[in-house]
Amino acid sequence: TVTQDLTDVPTVTSAEESFYDQIPLVKNVIGFAKDHLSIRYRSGGT
């Protein structure tokens, strides 16, 4: 099974979730930033 093959793969969700639990809006800020991937660079651009 796939789970047998992946038993040694580390998970990072618990640390991430606990930080997001402390400050839930962090997840929203990061999600918002990800929504803008590939927008071009522009000097002075806002």
ModelCIF file with pLDDT and N, C-alpha, C, O atoms, coordinates in Angstrom:
data_MODEL
#
_entry.id   MODEL 
#
_entity.id                         1 
_entity.type                       polymer 
_entity.pdbx_number_of_molecules   1 
#
_entity_poly.entity_id                      1 
_entity_poly.type                           'polypeptide(L)' 
_entity_poly.nstd_linkage                   no 
_entity_poly.nstd_monomer                   no 
_entity_poly.pdbx_seq_one_letter_code       TVTQDLTDVPTVTSAEESFYDQIPLVKNVIGFAKDHLSIRYRSGGT 
_entity_poly.pdbx_seq_one_letter_code_can   TVTQDLTDVPTVTSAEESFYDQIPLVKNVIGFAKDHLSIRYRSGGT 
_entity_poly.pdbx_strand_id                 A 
#
loop_
_entity_poly_seq.entity_id 
_entity_poly_seq.num 
_entity_poly_seq.mon_id 
_entity_poly_seq.hetero 
1 1  THR n 
1 2  VAL n 
1 3  THR n 
1 4  GLN n 
1 5  ASP n 
1 6  LEU n 
1 7  THR n 
1 8  ASP n 
1 9  VAL n 
1 10 PRO n 
1 11 THR n 
1 12 VAL n 
1 13 THR n 
1 14 SER n 
1 15 ALA n 
1 16 GLU n 
1 17 GLU n 
1 18 SER n 
1 19 PHE n 
1 20 TYR n 
1 21 ASP n 
1 22 GLN n 
1 23 ILE n 
1 24 PRO n 
1 25 LEU n 
1 26 VAL n 
1 27 LYS n 
1 28 ASN n 
1 29 VAL n 
1 30 ILE n 
1 31 GLY n 
1 32 PHE n 
1 33 ALA n 
1 34 LYS n 
1 35 ASP n 
1 36 HIS n 
1 37 LEU n 
1 38 SER n 
1 39 ILE n 
1 40 ARG n 
1 41 TYR n 
1 42 ARG n 
1 43 SER n 
1 44 GLY n 
1 45 GLY n 
1 46 THR n 
#
_struct_asym.id          A 
_struct_asym.entity_id   1 
#
loop_
_ma_qa_metric.id 
_ma_qa_metric.mode 
_ma_qa_metric.name 
_ma_qa_metric.software_group_id 
_ma_qa_metric.type 
1 global pLDDT . pLDDT 
2 local  pLDDT . pLDDT 
#
_ma_qa_metric_global.metric_id      1 
_ma_qa_metric_global.metric_value   70.02 
_ma_qa_metric_global.model_id       1 
_ma_qa_metric_global.ordinal_id     1 
#
loop_
_ma_qa_metric_local.label_asym_id 
_ma_qa_metric_local.label_comp_id 
_ma_qa_metric_local.label_seq_id 
_ma_qa_metric_local.metric_id 
_ma_qa_metric_local.metric_value 
_ma_qa_metric_local.model_id 
_ma_qa_metric_local.ordinal_id 
A THR 1  2 35.00 1 1  
A VAL 2  2 37.00 1 2  
A THR 3  2 35.00 1 3  
A GLN 4  2 37.00 1 4  
A ASP 5  2 42.00 1 5  
A LEU 6  2 37.00 1 6  
A THR 7  2 40.00 1 7  
A ASP 8  2 42.00 1 8  
A VAL 9  2 37.00 1 9  
A PRO 10 2 40.00 1 10 
A THR 11 2 40.00 1 11 
A VAL 12 2 43.00 1 12 
A THR 13 2 43.00 1 13 
A SER 14 2 45.00 1 14 
A ALA 15 2 49.00 1 15 
A GLU 16 2 48.00 1 16 
A GLU 17 2 50.00 1 17 
A SER 18 2 52.00 1 18 
A PHE 19 2 57.00 1 19 
A TYR 20 2 55.00 1 20 
A ASP 21 2 57.00 1 21 
A GLN 22 2 55.00 1 22 
A ILE 23 2 68.00 1 23 
A PRO 24 2 73.00 1 24 
A LEU 25 2 82.00 1 25 
A VAL 26 2 91.00 1 26 
A LYS 27 2 91.00 1 27 
A ASN 28 2 92.00 1 28 
A VAL 29 2 94.00 1 29 
A ILE 30 2 95.00 1 30 
A GLY 31 2 95.00 1 31 
A PHE 32 2 97.00 1 32 
A ALA 33 2 98.00 1 33 
A LYS 34 2 98.00 1 34 
A ASP 35 2 98.00 1 35 
A HIS 36 2 98.00 1 36 
A LEU 37 2 98.00 1 37 
A SER 38 2 96.00 1 38 
A ILE 39 2 98.00 1 39 
A ARG 40 2 98.00 1 40 
A TYR 41 2 98.00 1 41 
A ARG 42 2 98.00 1 42 
A SER 43 2 97.00 1 43 
A GLY 44 2 97.00 1 44 
A GLY 45 2 98.00 1 45 
A THR 46 2 97.00 1 46 
#
loop_
_atom_site.group_PDB 
_atom_site.id 
_atom_site.type_symbol 
_atom_site.label_atom_id 
_atom_site.label_alt_id 
_atom_site.label_comp_id 
_atom_site.label_asym_id 
_atom_site.label_entity_id 
_atom_site.label_seq_id 
_atom_site.pdbx_PDB_ins_code 
_atom_site.Cartn_x 
_atom_site.Cartn_y 
_atom_site.Cartn_z 
_atom_site.occupancy 
_atom_site.B_iso_or_equiv 
_atom_site.pdbx_formal_charge 
_atom_site.auth_seq_id 
_atom_site.auth_comp_id 
_atom_site.auth_asym_id 
_atom_site.auth_atom_id 
_atom_site.pdbx_PDB_model_num 
ATOM 1   N N  . THR A 1 1  ? 0.835  -1.194 0.000   1.00 35.00 ? 1  THR A N  1 
ATOM 2   C CA . THR A 1 1  ? 0.000  0.000  0.000   1.00 35.00 ? 1  THR A CA 1 
ATOM 3   C C  . THR A 1 1  ? 0.870  1.244  0.000   1.00 35.00 ? 1  THR A C  1 
ATOM 4   O O  . THR A 1 1  ? 2.039  1.209  0.384   1.00 35.00 ? 1  THR A O  1 
ATOM 5   N N  . VAL A 1 2  ? 0.285  2.326  -0.432  1.00 37.00 ? 2  VAL A N  1 
ATOM 6   C CA . VAL A 1 2  ? 1.020  3.588  -0.482  1.00 37.00 ? 2  VAL A CA 1 
ATOM 7   C C  . VAL A 1 2  ? 1.457  4.007  0.917   1.00 37.00 ? 2  VAL A C  1 
ATOM 8   O O  . VAL A 1 2  ? 2.558  4.533  1.081   1.00 37.00 ? 2  VAL A O  1 
ATOM 9   N N  . THR A 1 3  ? 0.624  3.788  1.926   1.00 35.00 ? 3  THR A N  1 
ATOM 10  C CA . THR A 1 3  ? 0.987  4.204  3.278   1.00 35.00 ? 3  THR A CA 1 
ATOM 11  C C  . THR A 1 3  ? 2.181  3.415  3.802   1.00 35.00 ? 3  THR A C  1 
ATOM 12  O O  . THR A 1 3  ? 2.984  3.952  4.564   1.00 35.00 ? 3  THR A O  1 
ATOM 13  N N  . GLN A 1 4  ? 2.309  2.169  3.412   1.00 37.00 ? 4  GLN A N  1 
ATOM 14  C CA . GLN A 1 4  ? 3.474  1.400  3.825   1.00 37.00 ? 4  GLN A CA 1 
ATOM 15  C C  . GLN A 1 4  ? 4.743  1.980  3.217   1.00 37.00 ? 4  GLN A C  1 
ATOM 16  O O  . GLN A 1 4  ? 5.784  2.014  3.873   1.00 37.00 ? 4  GLN A O  1 
ATOM 17  N N  . ASP A 1 5  ? 4.669  2.434  1.977   1.00 42.00 ? 5  ASP A N  1 
ATOM 18  C CA . ASP A 1 5  ? 5.832  2.972  1.289   1.00 42.00 ? 5  ASP A CA 1 
ATOM 19  C C  . ASP A 1 5  ? 6.223  4.355  1.810   1.00 42.00 ? 5  ASP A C  1 
ATOM 20  O O  . ASP A 1 5  ? 7.370  4.767  1.636   1.00 42.00 ? 5  ASP A O  1 
ATOM 21  N N  . LEU A 1 6  ? 5.316  5.067  2.435   1.00 37.00 ? 6  LEU A N  1 
ATOM 22  C CA . LEU A 1 6  ? 5.564  6.437  2.852   1.00 37.00 ? 6  LEU A CA 1 
ATOM 23  C C  . LEU A 1 6  ? 5.735  6.602  4.352   1.00 37.00 ? 6  LEU A C  1 
ATOM 24  O O  . LEU A 1 6  ? 5.638  7.719  4.860   1.00 37.00 ? 6  LEU A O  1 
ATOM 25  N N  . THR A 1 7  ? 5.988  5.519  5.072   1.00 40.00 ? 7  THR A N  1 
ATOM 26  C CA . THR A 1 7  ? 6.068  5.610  6.523   1.00 40.00 ? 7  THR A CA 1 
ATOM 27  C C  . THR A 1 7  ? 7.231  6.455  7.016   1.00 40.00 ? 7  THR A C  1 
ATOM 28  O O  . THR A 1 7  ? 7.159  7.012  8.111   1.00 40.00 ? 7  THR A O  1 
ATOM 29  N N  . ASP A 1 8  ? 8.304  6.566  6.235   1.00 42.00 ? 8  ASP A N  1 
ATOM 30  C CA . ASP A 1 8  ? 9.465  7.328  6.680   1.00 42.00 ? 8  ASP A CA 1 
ATOM 31  C C  . ASP A 1 8  ? 9.447  8.790  6.241   1.00 42.00 ? 8  ASP A C  1 
ATOM 32  O O  . ASP A 1 8  ? 10.381 9.535  6.540   1.00 42.00 ? 8  ASP A O  1 
ATOM 33  N N  . VAL A 1 9  ? 8.405  9.206  5.541   1.00 37.00 ? 9  VAL A N  1 
ATOM 34  C CA . VAL A 1 9  ? 8.326  10.581 5.069   1.00 37.00 ? 9  VAL A CA 1 
ATOM 35  C C  . VAL A 1 9  ? 7.871  11.476 6.222   1.00 37.00 ? 9  VAL A C  1 
ATOM 36  O O  . VAL A 1 9  ? 6.812  11.236 6.802   1.00 37.00 ? 9  VAL A O  1 
ATOM 37  N N  . PRO A 1 10 ? 8.660  12.511 6.566   1.00 40.00 ? 10 PRO A N  1 
ATOM 38  C CA . PRO A 1 10 ? 8.258  13.373 7.685   1.00 40.00 ? 10 PRO A CA 1 
ATOM 39  C C  . PRO A 1 10 ? 7.072  14.255 7.322   1.00 40.00 ? 10 PRO A C  1 
ATOM 40  O O  . PRO A 1 10 ? 6.922  14.675 6.174   1.00 40.00 ? 10 PRO A O  1 
ATOM 41  N N  . THR A 1 11 ? 6.249  14.522 8.293   1.00 40.00 ? 11 THR A N  1 
ATOM 42  C CA . THR A 1 11 ? 5.138  15.441 8.076   1.00 40.00 ? 11 THR A CA 1 
ATOM 43  C C  . THR A 1 11 ? 5.449  16.749 8.777   1.00 40.00 ? 11 THR A C  1 
ATOM 44  O O  . THR A 1 11 ? 6.140  16.778 9.795   1.00 40.00 ? 11 THR A O  1 
ATOM 45  N N  . VAL A 1 12 ? 4.927  17.835 8.215   1.00 43.00 ? 12 VAL A N  1 
ATOM 46  C CA . VAL A 1 12 ? 5.209  19.150 8.785   1.00 43.00 ? 12 VAL A CA 1 
ATOM 47  C C  . VAL A 1 12 ? 3.933  19.860 9.214   1.00 43.00 ? 12 VAL A C  1 
ATOM 48  O O  . VAL A 1 12 ? 3.978  20.999 9.679   1.00 43.00 ? 12 VAL A O  1 
ATOM 49  N N  . THR A 1 13 ? 2.811  19.197 9.061   1.00 43.00 ? 13 THR A N  1 
ATOM 50  C CA . THR A 1 13 ? 1.560  19.885 9.330   1.00 43.00 ? 13 THR A CA 1 
ATOM 51  C C  . THR A 1 13 ? 1.361  20.249 10.795  1.00 43.00 ? 13 THR A C  1 
ATOM 52  O O  . THR A 1 13 ? 0.770  21.290 11.082  1.00 43.00 ? 13 THR A O  1 
ATOM 53  N N  . SER A 1 14 ? 1.831  19.437 11.725  1.00 45.00 ? 14 SER A N  1 
ATOM 54  C CA . SER A 1 14 ? 1.545  19.732 13.125  1.00 45.00 ? 14 SER A CA 1 
ATOM 55  C C  . SER A 1 14 ? 2.173  21.046 13.577  1.00 45.00 ? 14 SER A C  1 
ATOM 56  O O  . SER A 1 14 ? 1.509  21.845 14.239  1.00 45.00 ? 14 SER A O  1 
ATOM 57  N N  . ALA A 1 15 ? 3.427  21.286 13.237  1.00 49.00 ? 15 ALA A N  1 
ATOM 58  C CA . ALA A 1 15 ? 4.067  22.552 13.622  1.00 49.00 ? 15 ALA A CA 1 
ATOM 59  C C  . ALA A 1 15 ? 3.408  23.716 12.911  1.00 49.00 ? 15 ALA A C  1 
ATOM 60  O O  . ALA A 1 15 ? 3.176  24.768 13.507  1.00 49.00 ? 15 ALA A O  1 
ATOM 61  N N  . GLU A 1 16 ? 3.102  23.524 11.615  1.00 48.00 ? 16 GLU A N  1 
ATOM 62  C CA . GLU A 1 16 ? 2.454  24.576 10.841  1.00 48.00 ? 16 GLU A CA 1 
ATOM 63  C C  . GLU A 1 16 ? 1.082  24.886 11.430  1.00 48.00 ? 16 GLU A C  1 
ATOM 64  O O  . GLU A 1 16 ? 0.739  26.052 11.625  1.00 48.00 ? 16 GLU A O  1 
ATOM 65  N N  . GLU A 1 17 ? 0.300  23.853 11.712  1.00 50.00 ? 17 GLU A N  1 
ATOM 66  C CA . GLU A 1 17 ? -1.042 24.052 12.240  1.00 50.00 ? 17 GLU A CA 1 
ATOM 67  C C  . GLU A 1 17 ? -1.001 24.729 13.610  1.00 50.00 ? 17 GLU A C  1 
ATOM 68  O O  . GLU A 1 17 ? -1.825 25.600 13.889  1.00 50.00 ? 17 GLU A O  1 
ATOM 69  N N  . SER A 1 18 ? -0.065 24.346 14.459  1.00 52.00 ? 18 SER A N  1 
ATOM 70  C CA . SER A 1 18 ? -0.039 24.954 15.780  1.00 52.00 ? 18 SER A CA 1 
ATOM 71  C C  . SER A 1 18 ? 0.295  26.441 15.683  1.00 52.00 ? 18 SER A C  1 
ATOM 72  O O  . SER A 1 18 ? -0.249 27.243 16.441  1.00 52.00 ? 18 SER A O  1 
ATOM 73  N N  . PHE A 1 19 ? 1.177  26.818 14.766  1.00 57.00 ? 19 PHE A N  1 
ATOM 74  C CA . PHE A 1 19 ? 1.483  28.236 14.596  1.00 57.00 ? 19 PHE A CA 1 
ATOM 75  C C  . PHE A 1 19 ? 0.260  28.974 14.046  1.00 57.00 ? 19 PHE A C  1 
ATOM 76  O O  . PHE A 1 19 ? -0.079 30.064 14.507  1.00 57.00 ? 19 PHE A O  1 
ATOM 77  N N  . TYR A 1 20 ? -0.399 28.363 13.052  1.00 55.00 ? 20 TYR A N  1 
ATOM 78  C CA . TYR A 1 20 ? -1.596 28.985 12.485  1.00 55.00 ? 20 TYR A CA 1 
ATOM 79  C C  . TYR A 1 20 ? -2.729 29.060 13.508  1.00 55.00 ? 20 TYR A C  1 
ATOM 80  O O  . TYR A 1 20 ? -3.549 29.977 13.461  1.00 55.00 ? 20 TYR A O  1 
ATOM 81  N N  . ASP A 1 21 ? -2.777 28.086 14.443  1.00 57.00 ? 21 ASP A N  1 
ATOM 82  C CA . ASP A 1 21 ? -3.780 28.151 15.487  1.00 57.00 ? 21 ASP A CA 1 
ATOM 83  C C  . ASP A 1 21 ? -3.556 29.361 16.388  1.00 57.00 ? 21 ASP A C  1 
ATOM 84  O O  . ASP A 1 21 ? -4.512 29.975 16.862  1.00 57.00 ? 21 ASP A O  1 
ATOM 85  N N  . GLN A 1 22 ? -2.286 29.701 16.623  1.00 55.00 ? 22 GLN A N  1 
ATOM 86  C CA . GLN A 1 22 ? -1.972 30.854 17.460  1.00 55.00 ? 22 GLN A CA 1 
ATOM 87  C C  . GLN A 1 22 ? -2.357 32.157 16.762  1.00 55.00 ? 22 GLN A C  1 
ATOM 88  O O  . GLN A 1 22 ? -2.896 33.069 17.389  1.00 55.00 ? 22 GLN A O  1 
ATOM 89  N N  . ILE A 1 23 ? -2.083 32.236 15.490  1.00 68.00 ? 23 ILE A N  1 
ATOM 90  C CA . ILE A 1 23 ? -2.382 33.453 14.730  1.00 68.00 ? 23 ILE A CA 1 
ATOM 91  C C  . ILE A 1 23 ? -3.028 33.025 13.411  1.00 68.00 ? 23 ILE A C  1 
ATOM 92  O O  . ILE A 1 23 ? -2.338 32.920 12.397  1.00 68.00 ? 23 ILE A O  1 
ATOM 93  N N  . PRO A 1 24 ? -4.334 32.778 13.410  1.00 73.00 ? 24 PRO A N  1 
ATOM 94  C CA . PRO A 1 24 ? -5.014 32.218 12.236  1.00 73.00 ? 24 PRO A CA 1 
ATOM 95  C C  . PRO A 1 24 ? -4.881 33.058 10.965  1.00 73.00 ? 24 PRO A C  1 
ATOM 96  O O  . PRO A 1 24 ? -4.921 32.501 9.868   1.00 73.00 ? 24 PRO A O  1 
ATOM 97  N N  . LEU A 1 25 ? -4.726 34.360 11.076  1.00 82.00 ? 25 LEU A N  1 
ATOM 98  C CA . LEU A 1 25 ? -4.658 35.185 9.878   1.00 82.00 ? 25 LEU A CA 1 
ATOM 99  C C  . LEU A 1 25 ? -3.370 34.986 9.085   1.00 82.00 ? 25 LEU A C  1 
ATOM 100 O O  . LEU A 1 25 ? -3.295 35.398 7.927   1.00 82.00 ? 25 LEU A O  1 
ATOM 101 N N  . VAL A 1 26 ? -2.357 34.365 9.684   1.00 91.00 ? 26 VAL A N  1 
ATOM 102 C CA . VAL A 1 26 ? -1.116 34.092 8.953   1.00 91.00 ? 26 VAL A CA 1 
ATOM 103 C C  . VAL A 1 26 ? -1.425 33.256 7.718   1.00 91.00 ? 26 VAL A C  1 
ATOM 104 O O  . VAL A 1 26 ? -0.922 33.529 6.628   1.00 91.00 ? 26 VAL A O  1 
ATOM 105 N N  . LYS A 1 27 ? -2.246 32.247 7.899   1.00 91.00 ? 27 LYS A N  1 
ATOM 106 C CA . LYS A 1 27 ? -2.624 31.382 6.776   1.00 91.00 ? 27 LYS A CA 1 
ATOM 107 C C  . LYS A 1 27 ? -3.299 32.193 5.678   1.00 91.00 ? 27 LYS A C  1 
ATOM 108 O O  . LYS A 1 27 ? -3.074 31.943 4.494   1.00 91.00 ? 27 LYS A O  1 
ATOM 109 N N  . ASN A 1 28 ? -4.118 33.155 6.059   1.00 92.00 ? 28 ASN A N  1 
ATOM 110 C CA . ASN A 1 28 ? -4.800 33.989 5.071   1.00 92.00 ? 28 ASN A CA 1 
ATOM 111 C C  . ASN A 1 28 ? -3.831 34.901 4.322   1.00 92.00 ? 28 ASN A C  1 
ATOM 112 O O  . ASN A 1 28 ? -3.958 35.080 3.110   1.00 92.00 ? 28 ASN A O  1 
ATOM 113 N N  . VAL A 1 29 ? -2.868 35.474 5.034   1.00 94.00 ? 29 VAL A N  1 
ATOM 114 C CA . VAL A 1 29 ? -1.874 36.343 4.393   1.00 94.00 ? 29 VAL A CA 1 
ATOM 115 C C  . VAL A 1 29 ? -1.068 35.535 3.382   1.00 94.00 ? 29 VAL A C  1 
ATOM 116 O O  . VAL A 1 29 ? -0.857 35.981 2.254   1.00 94.00 ? 29 VAL A O  1 
ATOM 117 N N  . ILE A 1 30 ? -0.619 34.348 3.783   1.00 95.00 ? 30 ILE A N  1 
ATOM 118 C CA . ILE A 1 30 ? 0.169  33.508 2.885   1.00 95.00 ? 30 ILE A CA 1 
ATOM 119 C C  . ILE A 1 30 ? -0.671 33.049 1.699   1.00 95.00 ? 30 ILE A C  1 
ATOM 120 O O  . ILE A 1 30 ? -0.193 33.050 0.564   1.00 95.00 ? 30 ILE A O  1 
ATOM 121 N N  . GLY A 1 31 ? -1.900 32.664 1.947   1.00 95.00 ? 31 GLY A N  1 
ATOM 122 C CA . GLY A 1 31 ? -2.789 32.265 0.854   1.00 95.00 ? 31 GLY A CA 1 
ATOM 123 C C  . GLY A 1 31 ? -3.007 33.397 -0.131  1.00 95.00 ? 31 GLY A C  1 
ATOM 124 O O  . GLY A 1 31 ? -3.019 33.178 -1.342  1.00 95.00 ? 31 GLY A O  1 
ATOM 125 N N  . PHE A 1 32 ? -3.179 34.609 0.384   1.00 97.00 ? 32 PHE A N  1 
ATOM 126 C CA . PHE A 1 32 ? -3.352 35.782 -0.464  1.00 97.00 ? 32 PHE A CA 1 
ATOM 127 C C  . PHE A 1 32 ? -2.088 36.032 -1.292  1.00 97.00 ? 32 PHE A C  1 
ATOM 128 O O  . PHE A 1 32 ? -2.174 36.349 -2.478  1.00 97.00 ? 32 PHE A O  1 
ATOM 129 N N  . ALA A 1 33 ? -0.935 35.893 -0.674  1.00 98.00 ? 33 ALA A N  1 
ATOM 130 C CA . ALA A 1 33 ? 0.326  36.077 -1.397  1.00 98.00 ? 33 ALA A CA 1 
ATOM 131 C C  . ALA A 1 33 ? 0.453  35.052 -2.524  1.00 98.00 ? 33 ALA A C  1 
ATOM 132 O O  . ALA A 1 33 ? 0.849  35.399 -3.636  1.00 98.00 ? 33 ALA A O  1 
ATOM 133 N N  . LYS A 1 34 ? 0.118  33.796 -2.241  1.00 98.00 ? 34 LYS A N  1 
ATOM 134 C CA . LYS A 1 34 ? 0.207  32.732 -3.249  1.00 98.00 ? 34 LYS A CA 1 
ATOM 135 C C  . LYS A 1 34 ? -0.707 33.002 -4.437  1.00 98.00 ? 34 LYS A C  1 
ATOM 136 O O  . LYS A 1 34 ? -0.397 32.612 -5.563  1.00 98.00 ? 34 LYS A O  1 
ATOM 137 N N  . ASP A 1 35 ? -1.823 33.663 -4.191  1.00 98.00 ? 35 ASP A N  1 
ATOM 138 C CA . ASP A 1 35 ? -2.751 33.992 -5.277  1.00 98.00 ? 35 ASP A CA 1 
ATOM 139 C C  . ASP A 1 35 ? -2.131 34.923 -6.311  1.00 98.00 ? 35 ASP A C  1 
ATOM 140 O O  . ASP A 1 35 ? -2.682 35.096 -7.398  1.00 98.00 ? 35 ASP A O  1 
ATOM 141 N N  . HIS A 1 36 ? -0.995 35.523 -5.987  1.00 98.00 ? 36 HIS A N  1 
ATOM 142 C CA . HIS A 1 36 ? -0.369 36.497 -6.886  1.00 98.00 ? 36 HIS A CA 1 
ATOM 143 C C  . HIS A 1 36 ? 0.918  35.978 -7.533  1.00 98.00 ? 36 HIS A C  1 
ATOM 144 O O  . HIS A 1 36 ? 1.688  36.751 -8.102  1.00 98.00 ? 36 HIS A O  1 
ATOM 145 N N  . LEU A 1 37 ? 1.143  34.666 -7.444  1.00 98.00 ? 37 LEU A N  1 
ATOM 146 C CA . LEU A 1 37 ? 2.308  34.071 -8.097  1.00 98.00 ? 37 LEU A CA 1 
ATOM 147 C C  . LEU A 1 37 ? 2.320  34.427 -9.581  1.00 98.00 ? 37 LEU A C  1 
ATOM 148 O O  . LEU A 1 37 ? 1.273  34.467 -10.226 1.00 98.00 ? 37 LEU A O  1 
ATOM 149 N N  . SER A 1 38 ? 3.487  34.678 -10.104 1.00 96.00 ? 38 SER A N  1 
ATOM 150 C CA . SER A 1 38 ? 3.736  34.965 -11.522 1.00 96.00 ? 38 SER A CA 1 
ATOM 151 C C  . SER A 1 38 ? 3.393  36.387 -11.958 1.00 96.00 ? 38 SER A C  1 
ATOM 152 O O  . SER A 1 38 ? 3.577  36.715 -13.130 1.00 96.00 ? 38 SER A O  1 
ATOM 153 N N  . ILE A 1 39 ? 2.906  37.234 -11.069 1.00 98.00 ? 39 ILE A N  1 
ATOM 154 C CA . ILE A 1 39 ? 2.709  38.633 -11.464 1.00 98.00 ? 39 ILE A CA 1 
ATOM 155 C C  . ILE A 1 39 ? 4.086  39.237 -11.676 1.00 98.00 ? 39 ILE A C  1 
ATOM 156 O O  . ILE A 1 39 ? 5.006  39.001 -10.893 1.00 98.00 ? 39 ILE A O  1 
ATOM 157 N N  . ARG A 1 40 ? 4.218  40.008 -12.723 1.00 98.00 ? 40 ARG A N  1 
ATOM 158 C CA . ARG A 1 40 ? 5.537  40.497 -13.126 1.00 98.00 ? 40 ARG A CA 1 
ATOM 159 C C  . ARG A 1 40 ? 6.149  41.463 -12.126 1.00 98.00 ? 40 ARG A C  1 
ATOM 160 O O  . ARG A 1 40 ? 5.457  42.087 -11.321 1.00 98.00 ? 40 ARG A O  1 
ATOM 161 N N  . TYR A 1 41 ? 7.463  41.565 -12.204 1.00 98.00 ? 41 TYR A N  1 
ATOM 162 C CA . TYR A 1 41 ? 8.201  42.535 -11.402 1.00 98.00 ? 41 TYR A CA 1 
ATOM 163 C C  . TYR A 1 41 ? 8.057  43.903 -12.062 1.00 98.00 ? 41 TYR A C  1 
ATOM 164 O O  . TYR A 1 41 ? 8.082  44.025 -13.287 1.00 98.00 ? 41 TYR A O  1 
ATOM 165 N N  . ARG A 1 42 ? 7.907  44.916 -11.234 1.00 98.00 ? 42 ARG A N  1 
ATOM 166 C CA . ARG A 1 42 ? 7.848  46.288 -11.742 1.00 98.00 ? 42 ARG A CA 1 
ATOM 167 C C  . ARG A 1 42 ? 8.496  47.183 -10.696 1.00 98.00 ? 42 ARG A C  1 
ATOM 168 O O  . ARG A 1 42 ? 8.041  47.232 -9.554  1.00 98.00 ? 42 ARG A O  1 
ATOM 169 N N  . SER A 1 43 ? 9.535  47.877 -11.069 1.00 97.00 ? 43 SER A N  1 
ATOM 170 C CA . SER A 1 43 ? 10.231 48.760 -10.137 1.00 97.00 ? 43 SER A CA 1 
ATOM 171 C C  . SER A 1 43 ? 9.254  49.780 -9.565  1.00 97.00 ? 43 SER A C  1 
ATOM 172 O O  . SER A 1 43 ? 8.577  50.485 -10.312 1.00 97.00 ? 43 SER A O  1 
ATOM 173 N N  . GLY A 1 44 ? 9.184  49.856 -8.243  1.00 97.00 ? 44 GLY A N  1 
ATOM 174 C CA . GLY A 1 44 ? 8.254  50.760 -7.580  1.00 97.00 ? 44 GLY A CA 1 
ATOM 175 C C  . GLY A 1 44 ? 6.820  50.276 -7.576  1.00 97.00 ? 44 GLY A C  1 
ATOM 176 O O  . GLY A 1 44 ? 5.936  50.979 -7.087  1.00 97.00 ? 44 GLY A O  1 
ATOM 177 N N  . GLY A 1 45 ? 6.566  49.080 -8.115  1.00 98.00 ? 45 GLY A N  1 
ATOM 178 C CA . GLY A 1 45 ? 5.205  48.563 -8.257  1.00 98.00 ? 45 GLY A CA 1 
ATOM 179 C C  . GLY A 1 45 ? 4.559  48.151 -6.953  1.00 98.00 ? 45 GLY A C  1 
ATOM 180 O O  . GLY A 1 45 ? 5.186  47.530 -6.094  1.00 98.00 ? 45 GLY A O  1 
ATOM 181 N N  . THR A 1 46 ? 3.284  48.510 -6.821  1.00 97.00 ? 46 THR A N  1 
ATOM 182 C CA . THR A 1 46 ? 2.530  48.196 -5.604  1.00 97.00 ? 46 THR A CA 1 
ATOM 183 C C  . THR A 1 46 ? 1.162  47.596 -5.908  1.00 97.00 ? 46 THR A C  1 
ATOM 184 O O  . THR A 1 46 ? 0.409  47.280 -4.987  1.00 97.00 ? 46 THR A O  1 
#
